[in-house]
PDB file of all heavy atoms in Angstrom:
ATOM      1  N   LEU A   1     -60.248  66.709 -61.680  1.00  0.00           N
ATOM      2  CA  LEU A   1     -60.451  66.202 -60.318  1.00  0.00           C
ATOM      3  C   LEU A   1     -59.566  67.001 -59.312  1.00  0.00           C
ATOM      4  O   LEU A   1     -58.353  67.122 -59.589  1.00  0.00           O
ATOM      5  CB  LEU A   1     -60.098  64.706 -60.305  1.00  0.00           C
ATOM      6  CG  LEU A   1     -60.129  63.993 -58.953  1.00  0.00           C
ATOM      7  CD1 LEU A   1     -61.527  64.039 -58.302  1.00  0.00           C
ATOM      8  CD2 LEU A   1     -59.576  62.568 -59.038  1.00  0.00           C
ATOM      9  N   VAL A   2     -60.132  67.407 -58.263  1.00  0.00           N
ATOM     10  CA  VAL A   2     -59.380  68.235 -57.274  1.00  0.00           C
ATOM     11  C   VAL A   2     -59.886  67.802 -55.894  1.00  0.00           C
ATOM     12  O   VAL A   2     -61.053  67.422 -55.762  1.00  0.00           O
ATOM     13  CB  VAL A   2     -59.551  69.725 -57.545  1.00  0.00           C
ATOM     14  CG1 VAL A   2     -60.993  70.163 -57.398  1.00  0.00           C
ATOM     15  CG2 VAL A   2     -58.622  70.519 -56.681  1.00  0.00           C
ATOM     16  N   GLN A   3     -58.990  67.920 -54.900  1.00  0.00           N
ATOM     17  CA  GLN A   3     -59.406  67.639 -53.517  1.00  0.00           C
ATOM     18  C   GLN A   3     -60.125  68.826 -52.917  1.00  0.00           C
ATOM     19  O   GLN A   3     -59.936  69.958 -53.346  1.00  0.00           O
ATOM     20  CB  GLN A   3     -58.202  67.295 -52.645  1.00  0.00           C
ATOM     21  CG  GLN A   3     -57.596  65.953 -52.973  1.00  0.00           C
ATOM     22  CD  GLN A   3     -56.487  65.551 -52.048  1.00  0.00           C
ATOM     23  OE1 GLN A   3     -55.802  66.404 -51.457  1.00  0.00           O
ATOM     24  NE2 GLN A   3     -56.274  64.246 -51.851  1.00  0.00           N
ATOM     25  N   ALA A   4     -60.964  68.576 -51.961  1.00  0.00           N
ATOM     26  CA  ALA A   4     -61.680  69.628 -51.230  1.00  0.00           C
ATOM     27  C   ALA A   4     -60.641  70.651 -50.734  1.00  0.00           C
ATOM     28  O   ALA A   4     -59.599  70.288 -50.186  1.00  0.00           O
ATOM     29  CB  ALA A   4     -62.489  69.057 -50.099  1.00  0.00           C
ATOM     30  N   GLY A   5     -61.017  71.887 -50.907  1.00  0.00           N
ATOM     31  CA  GLY A   5     -60.101  73.014 -50.514  1.00  0.00           C
ATOM     32  C   GLY A   5     -59.201  73.465 -51.629  1.00  0.00           C
ATOM     33  O   GLY A   5     -58.534  74.468 -51.503  1.00  0.00           O
ATOM     34  N   GLY A   6     -59.166  72.691 -52.721  1.00  0.00           N
ATOM     35  CA  GLY A   6     -58.310  73.058 -53.823  1.00  0.00           C
ATOM     36  C   GLY A   6     -58.919  74.110 -54.762  1.00  0.00           C
ATOM     37  O   GLY A   6     -60.005  74.602 -54.530  1.00  0.00           O
ATOM     38  N   SER A   7     -58.220  74.338 -55.862  1.00  0.00           N
ATOM     39  CA  SER A   7     -58.608  75.385 -56.820  1.00  0.00           C
ATOM     40  C   SER A   7     -58.537  74.859 -58.254  1.00  0.00           C
ATOM     41  O   SER A   7     -57.763  73.942 -58.520  1.00  0.00           O
ATOM     42  CB  SER A   7     -57.690  76.595 -56.702  1.00  0.00           C
ATOM     43  OG  SER A   7     -57.749  77.172 -55.421  1.00  0.00           O
ATOM     44  N   LEU A   8     -59.343  75.458 -59.099  1.00  0.00           N
ATOM     45  CA  LEU A   8     -59.317  75.170 -60.528  1.00  0.00           C
ATOM     46  C   LEU A   8     -59.642  76.417 -61.255  1.00  0.00           C
ATOM     47  O   LEU A   8     -60.371  77.317 -60.750  1.00  0.00           O
ATOM     48  CB  LEU A   8     -60.315  74.105 -60.964  1.00  0.00           C
ATOM     49  CG  LEU A   8     -60.001  72.650 -60.714  1.00  0.00           C
ATOM     50  CD1 LEU A   8     -61.206  71.786 -61.060  1.00  0.00           C
ATOM     51  CD2 LEU A   8     -58.790  72.209 -61.491  1.00  0.00           C
ATOM     52  N   ARG A   9     -59.195  76.552 -62.490  1.00  0.00           N
ATOM     53  CA  ARG A   9     -59.590  77.646 -63.356  1.00  0.00           C
ATOM     54  C   ARG A   9     -60.181  77.075 -64.627  1.00  0.00           C
ATOM     55  O   ARG A   9     -59.576  76.255 -65.329  1.00  0.00           O
ATOM     56  CB  ARG A   9     -58.468  78.617 -63.709  1.00  0.00           C
ATOM     57  CG  ARG A   9     -58.932  79.852 -64.390  1.00  0.00           C
ATOM     58  CD  ARG A   9     -57.808  80.720 -64.936  1.00  0.00           C
ATOM     59  NE  ARG A   9     -57.331  80.222 -66.252  1.00  0.00           N
ATOM     60  CZ  ARG A   9     -56.407  80.829 -66.943  1.00  0.00           C
ATOM     61  NH1 ARG A   9     -55.810  81.891 -66.520  1.00  0.00           N
ATOM     62  NH2 ARG A   9     -56.041  80.321 -68.104  1.00  0.00           N
ATOM     63  N   LEU A  10     -61.370  77.510 -64.955  1.00  0.00           N
ATOM     64  CA  LEU A  10     -62.066  77.121 -66.188  1.00  0.00           C
ATOM     65  C   LEU A  10     -61.926  78.198 -67.204  1.00  0.00           C
ATOM     66  O   LEU A  10     -62.013  79.400 -66.907  1.00  0.00           O
ATOM     67  CB  LEU A  10     -63.510  76.803 -65.936  1.00  0.00           C
ATOM     68  CG  LEU A  10     -63.849  75.796 -64.839  1.00  0.00           C
ATOM     69  CD1 LEU A  10     -65.396  75.657 -64.797  1.00  0.00           C
ATOM     70  CD2 LEU A  10     -63.195  74.498 -65.081  1.00  0.00           C
ATOM     71  N   ASP A  11     -61.685  77.770 -68.481  1.00  0.00           N
ATOM     72  CA  ASP A  11     -61.590  78.730 -69.595  1.00  0.00           C
ATOM     73  C   ASP A  11     -62.780  78.447 -70.542  1.00  0.00           C
ATOM     74  O   ASP A  11     -63.108  77.240 -70.680  1.00  0.00           O
ATOM     75  CB  ASP A  11     -60.283  78.615 -70.349  1.00  0.00           C
ATOM     76  CG  ASP A  11     -59.083  78.997 -69.508  1.00  0.00           C
ATOM     77  OD1 ASP A  11     -59.283  79.293 -68.299  1.00  0.00           O
ATOM     78  OD2 ASP A  11     -57.957  78.937 -70.023  1.00  0.00           O
ATOM     79  N   CYS A  12     -63.228  79.424 -71.224  1.00  0.00           N
ATOM     80  CA  CYS A  12     -64.201  79.289 -72.283  1.00  0.00           C
ATOM     81  C   CYS A  12     -63.796  80.153 -73.449  1.00  0.00           C
ATOM     82  O   CYS A  12     -63.845  81.377 -73.372  1.00  0.00           O
ATOM     83  CB  CYS A  12     -65.564  79.639 -71.778  1.00  0.00           C
ATOM     84  SG  CYS A  12     -66.831  79.669 -73.076  1.00  0.00           S
ATOM     85  N   ALA A  13     -63.378  79.454 -74.518  1.00  0.00           N
ATOM     86  CA  ALA A  13     -62.976  80.210 -75.726  1.00  0.00           C
ATOM     87  C   ALA A  13     -64.148  80.351 -76.669  1.00  0.00           C
ATOM     88  O   ALA A  13     -64.789  79.368 -77.032  1.00  0.00           O
ATOM     89  CB  ALA A  13     -61.828  79.456 -76.446  1.00  0.00           C
ATOM     90  N   ALA A  14     -64.392  81.592 -77.085  1.00  0.00           N
ATOM     91  CA  ALA A  14     -65.504  81.876 -77.966  1.00  0.00           C
ATOM     92  C   ALA A  14     -64.996  82.175 -79.347  1.00  0.00           C
ATOM     93  O   ALA A  14     -63.951  82.816 -79.526  1.00  0.00           O
ATOM     94  CB  ALA A  14     -66.341  83.050 -77.448  1.00  0.00           C
ATOM     95  N   SER A  15     -65.706  81.782 -80.416  1.00  0.00           N
ATOM     96  CA  SER A  15     -65.283  81.998 -81.746  1.00  0.00           C
ATOM     97  C   SER A  15     -66.492  82.023 -82.635  1.00  0.00           C
ATOM     98  O   SER A  15     -67.625  81.618 -82.270  1.00  0.00           O
ATOM     99  CB  SER A  15     -64.307  80.928 -82.233  1.00  0.00           C
ATOM    100  OG  SER A  15     -64.900  79.638 -82.231  1.00  0.00           O
ATOM    101  N   GLY A  16     -66.290  82.526 -83.913  1.00  0.00           N
ATOM    102  CA  GLY A  16     -67.347  82.389 -84.933  1.00  0.00           C
ATOM    103  C   GLY A  16     -68.516  83.309 -84.753  1.00  0.00           C
ATOM    104  O   GLY A  16     -69.613  82.826 -84.339  1.00  0.00           O
ATOM    105  N   GLY A  17     -68.359  84.592 -85.013  1.00  0.00           N
ATOM    106  CA  GLY A  17     -69.538  85.479 -85.004  1.00  0.00           C
ATOM    107  C   GLY A  17     -69.678  86.272 -83.655  1.00  0.00           C
ATOM    108  O   GLY A  17     -70.708  86.921 -83.541  1.00  0.00           O
ATOM    109  N   THR A  18     -68.763  86.156 -82.804  1.00  0.00           N
ATOM    110  CA  THR A  18     -68.834  86.998 -81.603  1.00  0.00           C
ATOM    111  C   THR A  18     -67.630  87.844 -81.613  1.00  0.00           C
ATOM    112  O   THR A  18     -66.509  87.466 -81.876  1.00  0.00           O
ATOM    113  CB  THR A  18     -68.854  86.129 -80.348  1.00  0.00           C
ATOM    114  OG1 THR A  18     -68.762  86.995 -79.177  1.00  0.00           O
ATOM    115  CG2 THR A  18     -67.737  85.120 -80.301  1.00  0.00           C
ATOM    116  N   SER A  19     -67.866  89.124 -81.200  1.00  0.00           N
ATOM    117  CA  SER A  19     -66.780  90.112 -81.159  1.00  0.00           C
ATOM    118  C   SER A  19     -66.162  90.269 -79.812  1.00  0.00           C
ATOM    119  O   SER A  19     -65.291  91.066 -79.583  1.00  0.00           O
ATOM    120  CB  SER A  19     -67.345  91.496 -81.624  1.00  0.00           C
ATOM    121  OG  SER A  19     -68.332  91.874 -80.710  1.00  0.00           O
ATOM    122  N   GLY A  20     -66.603  89.464 -78.857  1.00  0.00           N
ATOM    123  CA  GLY A  20     -66.092  89.575 -77.480  1.00  0.00           C
ATOM    124  C   GLY A  20     -66.782  90.580 -76.647  1.00  0.00           C
ATOM    125  O   GLY A  20     -66.338  90.939 -75.625  1.00  0.00           O
ATOM    126  N   THR A  21     -67.930  91.039 -77.169  1.00  0.00           N
ATOM    127  CA  THR A  21     -68.672  92.118 -76.466  1.00  0.00           C
ATOM    128  C   THR A  21     -70.081  91.631 -76.064  1.00  0.00           C
ATOM    129  O   THR A  21     -70.957  92.451 -76.028  1.00  0.00           O
ATOM    130  CB  THR A  21     -68.762  93.400 -77.300  1.00  0.00           C
ATOM    131  OG1 THR A  21     -69.395  93.065 -78.514  1.00  0.00           O
ATOM    132  CG2 THR A  21     -67.390  93.929 -77.566  1.00  0.00           C
ATOM    133  N   ASN A  22     -70.217  90.364 -75.890  1.00  0.00           N
ATOM    134  CA  ASN A  22     -71.495  89.811 -75.428  1.00  0.00           C
ATOM    135  C   ASN A  22     -71.506  89.577 -73.926  1.00  0.00           C
ATOM    136  O   ASN A  22     -70.463  89.249 -73.320  1.00  0.00           O
ATOM    137  CB  ASN A  22     -71.839  88.546 -76.161  1.00  0.00           C
ATOM    138  CG  ASN A  22     -71.949  88.699 -77.635  1.00  0.00           C
ATOM    139  OD1 ASN A  22     -71.035  88.484 -78.399  1.00  0.00           O
ATOM    140  ND2 ASN A  22     -73.129  89.109 -78.053  1.00  0.00           N
ATOM    141  N   ASP A  23     -72.646  89.619 -73.313  1.00  0.00           N
ATOM    142  CA  ASP A  23     -72.791  89.172 -71.938  1.00  0.00           C
ATOM    143  C   ASP A  23     -72.628  87.668 -71.852  1.00  0.00           C
ATOM    144  O   ASP A  23     -73.193  86.964 -72.726  1.00  0.00           O
ATOM    145  CB  ASP A  23     -74.203  89.544 -71.382  1.00  0.00           C
ATOM    146  CG  ASP A  23     -74.329  91.044 -71.310  1.00  0.00           C
ATOM    147  OD1 ASP A  23     -73.311  91.783 -71.284  1.00  0.00           O
ATOM    148  OD2 ASP A  23     -75.475  91.516 -71.158  1.00  0.00           O
ATOM    149  N   MET A  24     -71.842  87.226 -70.883  1.00  0.00           N
ATOM    150  CA  MET A  24     -71.595  85.787 -70.777  1.00  0.00           C
ATOM    151  C   MET A  24     -71.711  85.322 -69.342  1.00  0.00           C
ATOM    152  O   MET A  24     -71.713  86.084 -68.395  1.00  0.00           O
ATOM    153  CB  MET A  24     -70.181  85.464 -71.314  1.00  0.00           C
ATOM    154  CG  MET A  24     -69.981  85.804 -72.763  1.00  0.00           C
ATOM    155  SD  MET A  24     -68.378  85.260 -73.388  1.00  0.00           S
ATOM    156  CE  MET A  24     -68.556  83.496 -73.455  1.00  0.00           C
ATOM    157  N   ALA A  25     -71.824  84.009 -69.199  1.00  0.00           N
ATOM    158  CA  ALA A  25     -72.043  83.460 -67.838  1.00  0.00           C
ATOM    159  C   ALA A  25     -71.539  82.033 -67.708  1.00  0.00           C
ATOM    160  O   ALA A  25     -71.254  81.331 -68.781  1.00  0.00           O
ATOM    161  CB  ALA A  25     -73.525  83.502 -67.486  1.00  0.00           C
ATOM    162  N   TRP A  26     -71.446  81.570 -66.527  1.00  0.00           N
ATOM    163  CA  TRP A  26     -71.197  80.157 -66.205  1.00  0.00           C
ATOM    164  C   TRP A  26     -72.415  79.635 -65.484  1.00  0.00           C
ATOM    165  O   TRP A  26     -72.948  80.267 -64.596  1.00  0.00           O
ATOM    166  CB  TRP A  26     -69.935  80.024 -65.301  1.00  0.00           C
ATOM    167  CG  TRP A  26     -68.663  80.367 -65.991  1.00  0.00           C
ATOM    168  CD1 TRP A  26     -67.946  81.517 -65.967  1.00  0.00           C
ATOM    169  CD2 TRP A  26     -67.883  79.441 -66.775  1.00  0.00           C
ATOM    170  NE1 TRP A  26     -66.788  81.407 -66.706  1.00  0.00           N
ATOM    171  CE2 TRP A  26     -66.734  80.139 -67.191  1.00  0.00           C
ATOM    172  CE3 TRP A  26     -68.021  78.124 -67.160  1.00  0.00           C
ATOM    173  CZ2 TRP A  26     -65.704  79.559 -67.981  1.00  0.00           C
ATOM    174  CZ3 TRP A  26     -67.067  77.542 -67.919  1.00  0.00           C
ATOM    175  CH2 TRP A  26     -65.897  78.242 -68.359  1.00  0.00           C
ATOM    176  N   PHE A  27     -72.751  78.394 -65.868  1.00  0.00           N
ATOM    177  CA  PHE A  27     -73.802  77.628 -65.199  1.00  0.00           C
ATOM    178  C   PHE A  27     -73.194  76.294 -64.817  1.00  0.00           C
ATOM    179  O   PHE A  27     -72.120  75.893 -65.341  1.00  0.00           O
ATOM    180  CB  PHE A  27     -74.967  77.409 -66.098  1.00  0.00           C
ATOM    181  CG  PHE A  27     -75.865  78.645 -66.323  1.00  0.00           C
ATOM    182  CD1 PHE A  27     -75.421  79.665 -67.131  1.00  0.00           C
ATOM    183  CD2 PHE A  27     -77.048  78.765 -65.668  1.00  0.00           C
ATOM    184  CE1 PHE A  27     -76.185  80.845 -67.396  1.00  0.00           C
ATOM    185  CE2 PHE A  27     -77.803  79.899 -65.877  1.00  0.00           C
ATOM    186  CZ  PHE A  27     -77.362  80.926 -66.728  1.00  0.00           C
ATOM    187  N   ARG A  28     -73.853  75.532 -63.989  1.00  0.00           N
ATOM    188  CA  ARG A  28     -73.371  74.168 -63.690  1.00  0.00           C
ATOM    189  C   ARG A  28     -74.561  73.264 -63.473  1.00  0.00           C
ATOM    190  O   ARG A  28     -75.642  73.715 -63.073  1.00  0.00           O
ATOM    191  CB  ARG A  28     -72.455  74.207 -62.440  1.00  0.00           C
ATOM    192  CG  ARG A  28     -73.181  74.449 -61.104  1.00  0.00           C
ATOM    193  CD  ARG A  28     -72.160  74.509 -59.996  1.00  0.00           C
ATOM    194  NE  ARG A  28     -72.781  74.538 -58.669  1.00  0.00           N
ATOM    195  CZ  ARG A  28     -72.132  74.717 -57.543  1.00  0.00           C
ATOM    196  NH1 ARG A  28     -70.826  74.872 -57.533  1.00  0.00           N
ATOM    197  NH2 ARG A  28     -72.760  74.718 -56.360  1.00  0.00           N
ATOM    198  N   GLN A  29     -74.310  71.999 -63.731  1.00  0.00           N
ATOM    199  CA  GLN A  29     -75.376  71.001 -63.610  1.00  0.00           C
ATOM    200  C   GLN A  29     -74.809  69.728 -62.932  1.00  0.00           C
ATOM    201  O   GLN A  29     -73.890  69.135 -63.501  1.00  0.00           O
ATOM    202  CB  GLN A  29     -75.967  70.680 -64.942  1.00  0.00           C
ATOM    203  CG  GLN A  29     -77.174  69.779 -64.925  1.00  0.00           C
ATOM    204  CD  GLN A  29     -77.890  69.746 -66.242  1.00  0.00           C
ATOM    205  OE1 GLN A  29     -77.369  70.103 -67.289  1.00  0.00           O
ATOM    206  NE2 GLN A  29     -79.188  69.345 -66.239  1.00  0.00           N
ATOM    207  N   SER A  30     -75.377  69.426 -61.793  1.00  0.00           N
ATOM    208  CA  SER A  30     -75.016  68.178 -61.090  1.00  0.00           C
ATOM    209  C   SER A  30     -75.917  67.064 -61.553  1.00  0.00           C
ATOM    210  O   SER A  30     -77.025  67.338 -62.090  1.00  0.00           O
ATOM    211  CB  SER A  30     -75.137  68.368 -59.585  1.00  0.00           C
ATOM    212  OG  SER A  30     -74.386  69.459 -59.112  1.00  0.00           O
ATOM    213  N   SER A  31     -75.479  65.853 -61.339  1.00  0.00           N
ATOM    214  CA  SER A  31     -76.240  64.692 -61.808  1.00  0.00           C
ATOM    215  C   SER A  31     -77.621  64.697 -61.255  1.00  0.00           C
ATOM    216  O   SER A  31     -77.845  64.816 -60.046  1.00  0.00           O
ATOM    217  CB  SER A  31     -75.512  63.424 -61.444  1.00  0.00           C
ATOM    218  OG  SER A  31     -76.224  62.286 -61.831  1.00  0.00           O
ATOM    219  N   GLY A  32     -78.641  64.671 -62.119  1.00  0.00           N
ATOM    220  CA  GLY A  32     -80.018  64.585 -61.686  1.00  0.00           C
ATOM    221  C   GLY A  32     -80.632  65.871 -61.260  1.00  0.00           C
ATOM    222  O   GLY A  32     -81.788  65.930 -60.811  1.00  0.00           O
ATOM    223  N   LYS A  33     -79.913  66.969 -61.429  1.00  0.00           N
ATOM    224  CA  LYS A  33     -80.395  68.306 -61.055  1.00  0.00           C
ATOM    225  C   LYS A  33     -80.477  69.235 -62.261  1.00  0.00           C
ATOM    226  O   LYS A  33     -79.929  68.944 -63.332  1.00  0.00           O
ATOM    227  CB  LYS A  33     -79.506  68.874 -59.985  1.00  0.00           C
ATOM    228  CG  LYS A  33     -79.451  68.079 -58.692  1.00  0.00           C
ATOM    229  CD  LYS A  33     -78.639  68.808 -57.646  1.00  0.00           C
ATOM    230  CE  LYS A  33     -78.617  68.021 -56.332  1.00  0.00           C
ATOM    231  NZ  LYS A  33     -77.832  68.665 -55.250  1.00  0.00           N
ATOM    232  N   GLU A  34     -81.172  70.365 -62.040  1.00  0.00           N
ATOM    233  CA  GLU A  34     -81.295  71.324 -63.094  1.00  0.00           C
ATOM    234  C   GLU A  34     -79.971  72.133 -63.243  1.00  0.00           C
ATOM    235  O   GLU A  34     -79.111  72.088 -62.319  1.00  0.00           O
ATOM    236  CB  GLU A  34     -82.420  72.313 -62.720  1.00  0.00           C
ATOM    237  CG  GLU A  34     -83.788  71.681 -62.798  1.00  0.00           C
ATOM    238  CD  GLU A  34     -84.911  72.726 -62.660  1.00  0.00           C
ATOM    239  OE1 GLU A  34     -84.595  73.896 -62.308  1.00  0.00           O
ATOM    240  OE2 GLU A  34     -86.045  72.399 -62.902  1.00  0.00           O
ATOM    241  N   ARG A  35     -79.841  72.784 -64.351  1.00  0.00           N
ATOM    242  CA  ARG A  35     -78.657  73.607 -64.624  1.00  0.00           C
ATOM    243  C   ARG A  35     -78.843  74.931 -63.832  1.00  0.00           C
ATOM    244  O   ARG A  35     -79.745  75.680 -64.005  1.00  0.00           O
ATOM    245  CB  ARG A  35     -78.537  73.848 -66.132  1.00  0.00           C
ATOM    246  CG  ARG A  35     -77.179  74.476 -66.531  1.00  0.00           C
ATOM    247  CD  ARG A  35     -77.033  74.428 -68.015  1.00  0.00           C
ATOM    248  NE  ARG A  35     -77.024  73.076 -68.547  1.00  0.00           N
ATOM    249  CZ  ARG A  35     -76.713  72.778 -69.795  1.00  0.00           C
ATOM    250  NH1 ARG A  35     -76.419  73.767 -70.641  1.00  0.00           N
ATOM    251  NH2 ARG A  35     -76.749  71.547 -70.231  1.00  0.00           N
TER     252      ARG A  35
END
């Protein structure tokens, strides 16, 4: 939870069969909406 105007950093740790050389992305999904 953050106030408007604030900042956050998201991390995504990958493991198990990936060498760290894959294309990756972030998506988001709001309630009742598509990703």
